[in-house]
Amino acid sequence: MSLPHRQSIPTRFPQEDNPGGIYVHVPFCRTRCSYCGFTSGIYDPDAKVRYIRSILREIELYAHLAKRTAREFFFNTVYFGGGTPSLLDPEDVSRILVQIRSHLNVVPEEITLEMNPGTVDRARLSSLRRIGINRVSLGIQSLLDSELLLMGRSHAVADAYAAFRDLRAAGFDNVSLDLIAGFPSQTLESLKRSLDSILDLRPEHVSVYLLEVKPGTRLHRLIDAGELPGPDEDLAADMYETLCRDAKEAGYEHYEISNFALPGKQSIHNLKYWTDCVYIGFGPGAHSMDGRTRYANFRDLTDFEKAVEAGDLPIEIKTKLTPEMRFKDALIMGLRLVGGLNLELISERYNVDALQFIKKTVGDLLDQGLLRMQGEILLLTDRGRLLSNMVFSRWV
């Protein structure tokens, strides 16, 4: 597949020929989970009003800049993440969607809203359904009350089951459930109990996240103080292998390192991150990649608010990309897909000899069995998925 007329390092950006995705960050929670390192604060009605006013203005400011600089894109997904987006009233969600539709070129095929059990009832769910939410990601995390308590979650197991029943009753037929693996005190047996219960519910999608202990979190402080044990990497590996096997046996496709779906129910929005598409984020702490630049918004709501009131986009960090930087990002994100990365296609996309680049930068990892070639497809092996950060670090 090595083609001598192609460059060894990418020198051009690809064409943006696929629809992009819009991410909306909602920075409020009822409580702060012990492991959470995301941009969020405790819900406050006054802060919510300021947030809604500011994000509507941000969307308008972005649209004007995109038009002025000829960097307008077509979008077909909207994803409300957090935080806990389900703390917003349906009317608030509707105002944001109306603003997006009014100012951006978007025909949403998928509109996802993250929810926590205990934050919605059937009436609110029906309202969310009516305004266009057609996919829900429900943060269950565990189906054992003892583990939920240690995680600092604000719901109980009974709330999780009730939320799932209410989603079905409200007509939601595309529901993803989240599960955390590797939490202190969690055992292989307790994880399997939660997983078996989730698979019995038959959600369309399951996301499983191996615990990352992030500095500054309450969990990090508890582990540092010796009050909780640190992560057990061998146990986490056993958990991951069990999750992959059991989900596959239950009819779920393992399509990305952390994600499993029934046929045709992959997350259209999240696939954009893994397939080198443009994504634009709105709200405090939101991240964007517009093809030429990566940028992150102010995390603090006050700083975010001040920027948009002054007529500026609330960007705190901006990184100008080179074709090589973006190419490496595409390799990292594409390899997260269990189906792998087509080196011929990415070679054409970036006018680069991708196979030679792979041999030069990670050829030894092919020899070590962390990566493998299947025709033109480069894939992580089962062992490689467990050690994926070692692979990806070669391109950072």
Protein backbone atom coordinates (compact mmCIF):
# COMPACT_ATOMS: atom_id res chain seq x y z
CA MET A 1 0.00 0.00 0.00
CA SER A 2 3.01 2.33 0.39
CA LEU A 3 2.83 4.92 -2.37
CA PRO A 4 6.07 6.81 -3.16
CA HIS A 5 4.38 9.96 -4.53
CA ARG A 6 2.76 10.68 -1.19
CA GLN A 7 4.39 12.74 1.53
CA SER A 8 5.89 11.13 4.63
CA ILE A 9 4.33 13.92 6.73
CA PRO A 10 0.92 15.47 5.94
CA THR A 11 1.14 18.95 4.42
CA ARG A 12 -2.52 19.67 3.69
CA PHE A 13 -5.75 19.70 5.67
CA PRO A 14 -8.54 17.34 4.60
CA GLN A 15 -11.79 18.43 3.03
CA GLU A 16 -14.60 18.78 5.57
CA ASP A 17 -17.02 16.62 3.61
CA ASN A 18 -18.87 14.98 6.52
CA PRO A 19 -21.50 16.59 8.76
CA GLY A 20 -20.22 17.95 12.04
CA GLY A 21 -21.62 17.73 15.56
CA ILE A 22 -22.72 20.34 18.10
CA TYR A 23 -21.99 19.83 21.79
CA VAL A 24 -23.78 21.84 24.51
CA HIS A 25 -22.22 21.72 27.98
CA VAL A 26 -24.55 22.15 30.96
CA PRO A 27 -22.36 22.83 34.03
CA PHE A 28 -24.78 21.99 36.84
CA CYS A 29 -25.25 18.98 39.13
CA ARG A 30 -27.28 18.27 42.26
CA THR A 31 -24.16 17.00 44.02
CA ARG A 32 -20.52 16.52 43.12
CA CYS A 33 -19.60 12.88 42.48
CA SER A 34 -16.42 11.73 44.21
CA TYR A 35 -14.66 10.86 40.92
CA CYS A 36 -15.82 13.76 38.74
CA GLY A 37 -13.31 16.06 37.10
CA PHE A 38 -15.70 17.65 34.60
CA THR A 39 -16.72 21.30 34.52
CA SER A 40 -19.70 21.46 36.85
CA GLY A 41 -21.05 23.15 39.97
CA ILE A 42 -24.01 22.72 42.27
CA TYR A 43 -27.27 23.72 40.60
CA ASP A 44 -28.46 27.23 41.39
CA PRO A 45 -31.57 28.78 39.76
CA ASP A 46 -29.96 32.23 39.38
CA ALA A 47 -26.82 30.74 37.83
CA LYS A 48 -29.01 28.76 35.44
CA VAL A 49 -30.67 31.96 34.20
CA ARG A 50 -27.24 33.53 33.61
CA TYR A 51 -26.09 30.37 31.84
CA ILE A 52 -29.06 30.27 29.45
CA ARG A 53 -28.67 33.96 28.60
CA SER A 54 -24.95 33.57 27.96
CA ILE A 55 -25.08 30.39 25.88
CA LEU A 56 -27.77 31.84 23.62
CA ARG A 57 -25.48 34.82 23.03
CA GLU A 58 -22.48 32.55 22.45
CA ILE A 59 -24.31 30.64 19.70
CA GLU A 60 -25.17 33.93 17.99
CA LEU A 61 -21.58 35.20 18.26
CA TYR A 62 -20.18 31.96 16.83
CA ALA A 63 -22.62 32.02 13.91
CA HIS A 64 -21.64 35.58 12.98
CA LEU A 65 -17.92 34.73 13.12
CA ALA A 66 -18.37 31.55 11.07
CA LYS A 67 -20.20 33.50 8.37
CA ARG A 68 -17.64 36.31 8.35
CA THR A 69 -14.69 33.91 8.05
CA ALA A 70 -16.38 31.49 5.63
CA ARG A 71 -16.00 28.65 8.13
CA GLU A 72 -19.63 27.55 8.15
CA PHE A 73 -20.41 23.85 8.49
CA PHE A 74 -23.38 21.54 8.20
CA PHE A 75 -24.31 19.69 11.41
CA ASN A 76 -26.58 16.69 11.94
CA THR A 77 -26.22 15.99 15.68
CA VAL A 78 -26.67 17.91 18.92
CA TYR A 79 -25.45 16.50 22.23
CA PHE A 80 -26.32 18.00 25.64
CA GLY A 81 -23.65 16.85 28.11
CA GLY A 82 -22.61 17.83 31.59
CA GLY A 83 -22.92 18.17 34.41
CA THR A 84 -26.52 17.09 34.48
CA PRO A 85 -28.45 18.52 31.51
CA SER A 86 -31.70 16.98 32.78
CA LEU A 87 -31.71 19.65 35.53
CA LEU A 88 -32.67 22.16 32.85
CA ASP A 89 -36.37 22.67 32.27
CA PRO A 90 -37.61 21.42 28.89
CA GLU A 91 -38.32 25.06 28.03
CA ASP A 92 -34.64 25.88 28.56
CA VAL A 93 -33.54 23.01 26.32
CA SER A 94 -36.04 24.14 23.70
CA ARG A 95 -34.68 27.72 23.72
CA ILE A 96 -31.16 26.43 23.10
CA LEU A 97 -32.32 24.18 20.26
CA VAL A 98 -34.30 27.01 18.66
CA GLN A 99 -31.22 29.24 18.83
CA ILE A 100 -29.06 26.54 17.23
CA ARG A 101 -31.57 25.95 14.45
CA SER A 102 -31.99 29.70 13.87
CA HIS A 103 -28.31 30.53 13.53
CA LEU A 104 -26.56 27.37 12.29
CA ASN A 105 -26.92 25.03 9.33
CA VAL A 106 -28.25 22.04 11.23
CA VAL A 107 -30.71 19.27 10.44
CA PRO A 108 -30.46 17.05 13.53
CA GLU A 109 -30.59 13.35 12.91
CA GLU A 110 -29.78 12.68 16.55
CA ILE A 111 -30.32 14.93 19.60
CA THR A 112 -28.96 13.39 22.80
CA LEU A 113 -29.50 14.60 26.34
CA GLU A 114 -27.60 13.18 29.29
CA MET A 115 -29.74 12.46 32.34
CA ASN A 116 -29.25 11.29 35.88
CA PRO A 117 -31.84 9.08 37.59
CA GLY A 118 -34.03 11.04 39.95
CA THR A 119 -33.89 14.28 37.95
CA VAL A 120 -36.84 13.67 35.61
CA ASP A 121 -40.39 12.41 35.69
CA ARG A 122 -42.67 11.17 32.92
CA ALA A 123 -44.19 14.59 32.27
CA ARG A 124 -40.76 16.22 31.77
CA LEU A 125 -39.62 13.30 29.64
CA SER A 126 -42.67 13.63 27.42
CA SER A 127 -41.96 17.35 27.03
CA LEU A 128 -38.33 16.66 26.11
CA ARG A 129 -39.49 14.12 23.55
CA ARG A 130 -41.86 16.66 22.00
CA ILE A 131 -39.14 19.29 21.54
CA GLY A 132 -36.94 16.86 19.62
CA ILE A 133 -34.78 14.93 22.08
CA ASN A 134 -34.61 11.46 20.50
CA ARG A 135 -31.73 9.86 22.39
CA VAL A 136 -30.92 9.72 26.10
CA SER A 137 -27.72 8.80 27.92
CA LEU A 138 -28.66 7.75 31.45
CA GLY A 139 -25.90 7.87 34.06
CA ILE A 140 -26.59 4.74 36.08
CA GLN A 141 -22.88 3.97 36.84
CA SER A 142 -23.74 1.01 39.10
CA LEU A 143 -26.78 -1.00 40.12
CA LEU A 144 -25.59 -1.55 43.70
CA ASP A 145 -26.57 1.01 46.32
CA SER A 146 -23.34 0.52 48.28
CA GLU A 147 -21.25 1.47 45.24
CA LEU A 148 -23.47 4.43 44.35
CA LEU A 149 -23.04 5.78 47.89
CA LEU A 150 -19.26 5.55 47.65
CA MET A 151 -19.31 7.22 44.24
CA GLY A 152 -21.25 10.13 45.70
CA ARG A 153 -24.14 9.64 43.32
CA SER A 154 -27.40 11.37 44.24
CA HIS A 155 -29.62 8.46 43.21
CA ALA A 156 -30.36 4.95 44.41
CA VAL A 157 -30.77 1.77 42.38
CA ALA A 158 -34.56 2.07 42.56
CA ASP A 159 -34.29 5.53 40.94
CA ALA A 160 -32.30 4.06 38.05
CA TYR A 161 -34.91 1.42 37.32
CA ALA A 162 -37.72 3.99 37.63
CA ALA A 163 -35.95 6.36 35.23
CA PHE A 164 -35.51 3.63 32.64
CA ARG A 165 -39.18 2.62 32.91
CA ASP A 166 -40.24 6.26 32.56
CA LEU A 167 -38.06 6.70 29.48
CA ARG A 168 -39.71 3.74 27.80
CA ALA A 169 -43.16 4.95 28.83
CA ALA A 170 -42.40 8.38 27.34
CA GLY A 171 -41.53 6.74 24.01
CA PHE A 172 -37.73 6.85 24.05
CA ASP A 173 -36.45 3.98 21.92
CA ASN A 174 -32.78 4.99 21.85
CA VAL A 175 -31.35 4.88 25.37
CA SER A 176 -27.74 4.48 26.46
CA LEU A 177 -26.78 3.39 29.97
CA ASP A 178 -23.44 4.30 31.58
CA LEU A 179 -21.45 1.97 33.83
CA ILE A 180 -18.19 2.61 35.72
CA ALA A 181 -15.65 -0.19 36.12
CA GLY A 182 -12.69 -0.31 38.48
CA PHE A 183 -14.07 1.81 41.32
CA PRO A 184 -12.56 1.14 44.78
CA SER A 185 -14.46 -1.64 46.60
CA GLN A 186 -15.94 -2.84 43.30
CA THR A 187 -15.27 -6.51 42.61
CA LEU A 188 -15.50 -8.55 39.45
CA GLU A 189 -18.64 -10.17 40.89
CA SER A 190 -20.31 -6.86 41.78
CA LEU A 191 -19.50 -5.40 38.36
CA LYS A 192 -20.99 -8.47 36.69
CA ARG A 193 -24.17 -8.10 38.77
CA SER A 194 -24.59 -4.53 37.52
CA LEU A 195 -23.76 -5.47 33.94
CA ASP A 196 -26.13 -8.44 33.91
CA SER A 197 -28.93 -6.22 35.21
CA ILE A 198 -28.20 -3.59 32.56
CA LEU A 199 -28.15 -6.15 29.76
CA ASP A 200 -31.45 -7.56 31.03
CA LEU A 201 -33.00 -4.12 30.49
CA ARG A 202 -31.91 -4.24 26.81
CA PRO A 203 -30.96 -0.59 26.32
CA GLU A 204 -29.92 0.22 22.77
CA HIS A 205 -26.46 1.31 23.89
CA VAL A 206 -24.07 0.75 26.81
CA SER A 207 -21.01 2.87 27.67
CA VAL A 208 -18.49 1.42 30.12
CA TYR A 209 -15.79 3.65 31.53
CA LEU A 210 -12.71 2.34 33.32
CA LEU A 211 -12.15 4.58 36.32
CA GLU A 212 -9.63 7.38 35.97
CA VAL A 213 -8.62 8.97 39.27
CA LYS A 214 -8.30 12.66 38.45
CA PRO A 215 -6.27 15.04 40.62
CA GLY A 216 -8.39 17.48 42.61
CA THR A 217 -11.34 15.12 42.97
CA ARG A 218 -12.64 13.89 46.32
CA LEU A 219 -11.79 10.33 45.27
CA HIS A 220 -8.17 11.34 44.63
CA ARG A 221 -7.95 12.86 48.10
CA LEU A 222 -9.45 9.75 49.74
CA ILE A 223 -6.98 7.48 47.97
CA ASP A 224 -4.07 9.81 48.83
CA ALA A 225 -5.13 9.72 52.47
CA GLY A 226 -5.23 5.93 52.46
CA GLU A 227 -8.97 5.84 53.16
CA LEU A 228 -9.65 4.00 49.91
CA PRO A 229 -7.43 1.67 47.87
CA GLY A 230 -6.02 2.88 44.58
CA PRO A 231 -6.99 1.37 41.23
CA ASP A 232 -6.09 -2.27 40.65
CA GLU A 233 -4.92 -2.48 37.02
CA ASP A 234 -5.07 -6.28 36.86
CA LEU A 235 -8.61 -6.31 38.23
CA ALA A 236 -9.61 -3.54 35.80
CA ALA A 237 -8.27 -5.63 32.92
CA ASP A 238 -10.29 -8.64 34.08
CA MET A 239 -13.37 -6.43 34.35
CA TYR A 240 -12.88 -5.07 30.85
CA GLU A 241 -12.49 -8.52 29.34
CA THR A 242 -15.63 -9.68 31.16
CA LEU A 243 -17.59 -6.66 29.95
CA CYS A 244 -16.54 -7.18 26.35
CA ARG A 245 -17.34 -10.90 26.41
CA ASP A 246 -20.72 -10.62 28.16
CA ALA A 247 -21.93 -7.70 26.06
CA LYS A 248 -21.02 -9.52 22.85
CA GLU A 249 -22.81 -12.65 24.02
CA ALA A 250 -25.89 -10.52 24.72
CA GLY A 251 -25.94 -9.29 21.10
CA TYR A 252 -24.16 -5.97 21.48
CA GLU A 253 -21.53 -4.84 18.99
CA HIS A 254 -18.33 -3.64 20.65
CA TYR A 255 -17.71 -0.76 18.26
CA GLU A 256 -15.43 1.55 20.28
CA ILE A 257 -13.10 0.95 23.22
CA SER A 258 -15.75 1.95 25.78
CA ASN A 259 -18.98 1.56 23.81
CA PHE A 260 -21.37 -1.22 22.87
CA ALA A 261 -24.53 -0.99 20.78
CA LEU A 262 -27.33 -3.07 19.38
CA PRO A 263 -27.23 -3.17 15.56
CA GLY A 264 -27.71 0.30 14.06
CA LYS A 265 -27.68 2.07 17.45
CA GLN A 266 -24.15 3.45 17.63
CA SER A 267 -23.88 7.03 18.88
CA ILE A 268 -23.91 9.14 15.72
CA HIS A 269 -22.59 12.16 17.61
CA ASN A 270 -19.72 10.42 19.38
CA LEU A 271 -18.67 8.74 16.14
CA LYS A 272 -17.77 12.21 14.89
CA TYR A 273 -14.93 12.45 17.40
CA TRP A 274 -13.60 9.08 16.26
CA THR A 275 -13.93 9.71 12.51
CA ASP A 276 -12.14 13.08 12.21
CA CYS A 277 -15.21 15.30 11.89
CA VAL A 278 -15.64 18.92 12.94
CA TYR A 279 -17.34 19.50 16.29
CA ILE A 280 -18.32 22.79 17.88
CA GLY A 281 -18.94 23.12 21.62
CA PHE A 282 -21.02 25.73 23.44
CA GLY A 283 -21.11 26.42 27.17
CA PRO A 284 -18.51 26.67 29.96
CA GLY A 285 -15.64 24.22 29.50
CA ALA A 286 -16.85 23.04 26.08
CA HIS A 287 -14.23 22.01 23.51
CA SER A 288 -14.28 22.49 19.74
CA MET A 289 -12.30 21.48 16.66
CA ASP A 290 -13.16 23.45 13.53
CA GLY A 291 -10.70 21.74 11.21
CA ARG A 292 -7.93 24.29 11.66
CA THR A 293 -8.07 25.08 15.39
CA ARG A 294 -8.77 23.33 18.69
CA TYR A 295 -10.16 25.54 21.43
CA ALA A 296 -11.68 25.31 24.89
CA ASN A 297 -14.08 27.70 26.58
CA PHE A 298 -13.65 29.26 29.99
CA ARG A 299 -14.63 26.72 32.64
CA ASP A 300 -15.83 29.31 35.14
CA LEU A 301 -19.37 30.54 34.48
CA THR A 302 -18.52 34.12 35.50
CA ASP A 303 -15.57 34.31 33.09
CA PHE A 304 -17.71 32.71 30.38
CA GLU A 305 -20.48 35.23 31.00
CA LYS A 306 -18.15 38.26 30.98
CA ALA A 307 -16.68 37.28 27.62
CA VAL A 308 -19.98 36.95 25.80
CA GLU A 309 -21.33 40.13 27.41
CA ALA A 310 -18.33 41.92 25.92
CA GLY A 311 -19.18 40.47 22.50
CA ASP A 312 -16.33 37.97 22.48
CA LEU A 313 -16.36 34.22 22.11
CA PRO A 314 -15.57 32.77 25.57
CA ILE A 315 -12.39 31.00 24.47
CA GLU A 316 -9.75 30.41 27.14
CA ILE A 317 -7.34 28.11 25.27
CA LYS A 318 -6.74 28.07 21.52
CA THR A 319 -4.37 25.78 19.63
CA LYS A 320 -3.68 26.34 15.95
CA LEU A 321 -3.45 22.97 14.24
CA THR A 322 -1.03 21.89 11.54
CA PRO A 323 -1.96 19.13 9.06
CA GLU A 324 0.44 16.82 10.93
CA MET A 325 -1.18 17.54 14.31
CA ARG A 326 -4.64 16.87 12.95
CA PHE A 327 -3.46 13.71 11.17
CA LYS A 328 -2.07 12.35 14.45
CA ASP A 329 -5.33 13.20 16.23
CA ALA A 330 -7.20 11.31 13.52
CA LEU A 331 -4.97 8.27 14.07
CA ILE A 332 -5.51 8.33 17.84
CA MET A 333 -9.27 8.78 17.66
CA GLY A 334 -9.75 6.40 14.74
CA LEU A 335 -7.91 3.59 16.50
CA ARG A 336 -10.43 3.78 19.33
CA LEU A 337 -12.87 2.13 16.92
CA VAL A 338 -12.81 -1.64 17.29
CA GLY A 339 -13.18 -1.93 13.52
CA GLY A 340 -9.90 -0.07 13.14
CA LEU A 341 -8.61 2.60 10.81
CA ASN A 342 -8.42 2.30 7.02
CA LEU A 343 -4.90 3.48 6.18
CA GLU A 344 -5.63 3.82 2.46
CA LEU A 345 -8.54 6.16 3.12
CA ILE A 346 -6.64 8.31 5.60
CA SER A 347 -3.68 8.38 3.20
CA GLU A 348 -5.93 9.82 0.51
CA ARG A 349 -7.55 12.22 2.96
CA TYR A 350 -4.23 13.73 4.04
CA ASN A 351 -2.06 12.98 0.96
CA VAL A 352 0.35 11.06 3.17
CA ASP A 353 1.87 7.60 3.14
CA ALA A 354 0.11 6.49 6.31
CA LEU A 355 1.55 2.97 6.30
CA GLN A 356 5.12 4.25 6.24
CA PHE A 357 4.25 6.73 8.99
CA ILE A 358 2.85 3.88 11.10
CA LYS A 359 5.91 1.70 10.54
CA LYS A 360 8.21 4.57 11.49
CA THR A 361 6.36 5.65 14.65
CA VAL A 362 4.77 2.48 16.06
CA GLY A 363 6.31 -0.37 14.07
CA ASP A 364 7.71 -1.90 17.25
CA LEU A 365 4.21 -2.00 18.75
CA LEU A 366 3.08 -4.10 15.79
CA ASP A 367 5.90 -6.51 16.65
CA GLN A 368 4.86 -6.47 20.33
CA GLY A 369 1.27 -7.42 19.50
CA LEU A 370 -0.43 -4.18 20.56
CA LEU A 371 -1.37 -3.36 16.97
CA ARG A 372 -2.10 -5.52 13.95
CA MET A 373 -2.79 -5.08 10.24
CA GLN A 374 -5.79 -6.67 8.57
CA GLY A 375 -5.38 -5.82 4.90
CA GLU A 376 -5.45 -2.02 4.76
CA ILE A 377 -6.97 -1.76 8.25
CA LEU A 378 -4.87 -0.92 11.32
CA LEU A 379 -6.38 -2.19 14.57
CA LEU A 380 -5.60 -2.32 18.25
CA THR A 381 -5.41 -5.90 19.48
CA ASP A 382 -7.36 -6.95 22.58
CA ARG A 383 -4.20 -6.34 24.60
CA GLY A 384 -3.63 -3.09 22.75
CA ARG A 385 -7.02 -1.76 23.81
CA LEU A 386 -6.04 -2.29 27.44
CA LEU A 387 -2.77 -0.45 26.81
CA SER A 388 -4.12 2.05 24.30
CA ASN A 389 -2.63 5.07 26.09
CA MET A 390 0.83 3.57 25.51
CA VAL A 391 0.10 3.41 21.79
CA PHE A 392 -1.45 6.86 21.55
CA SER A 393 1.39 8.52 23.47
CA ARG A 394 3.63 7.97 20.42
CA TRP A 395 1.63 10.61 18.54
CA VAL A 396 1.07 13.18 21.26
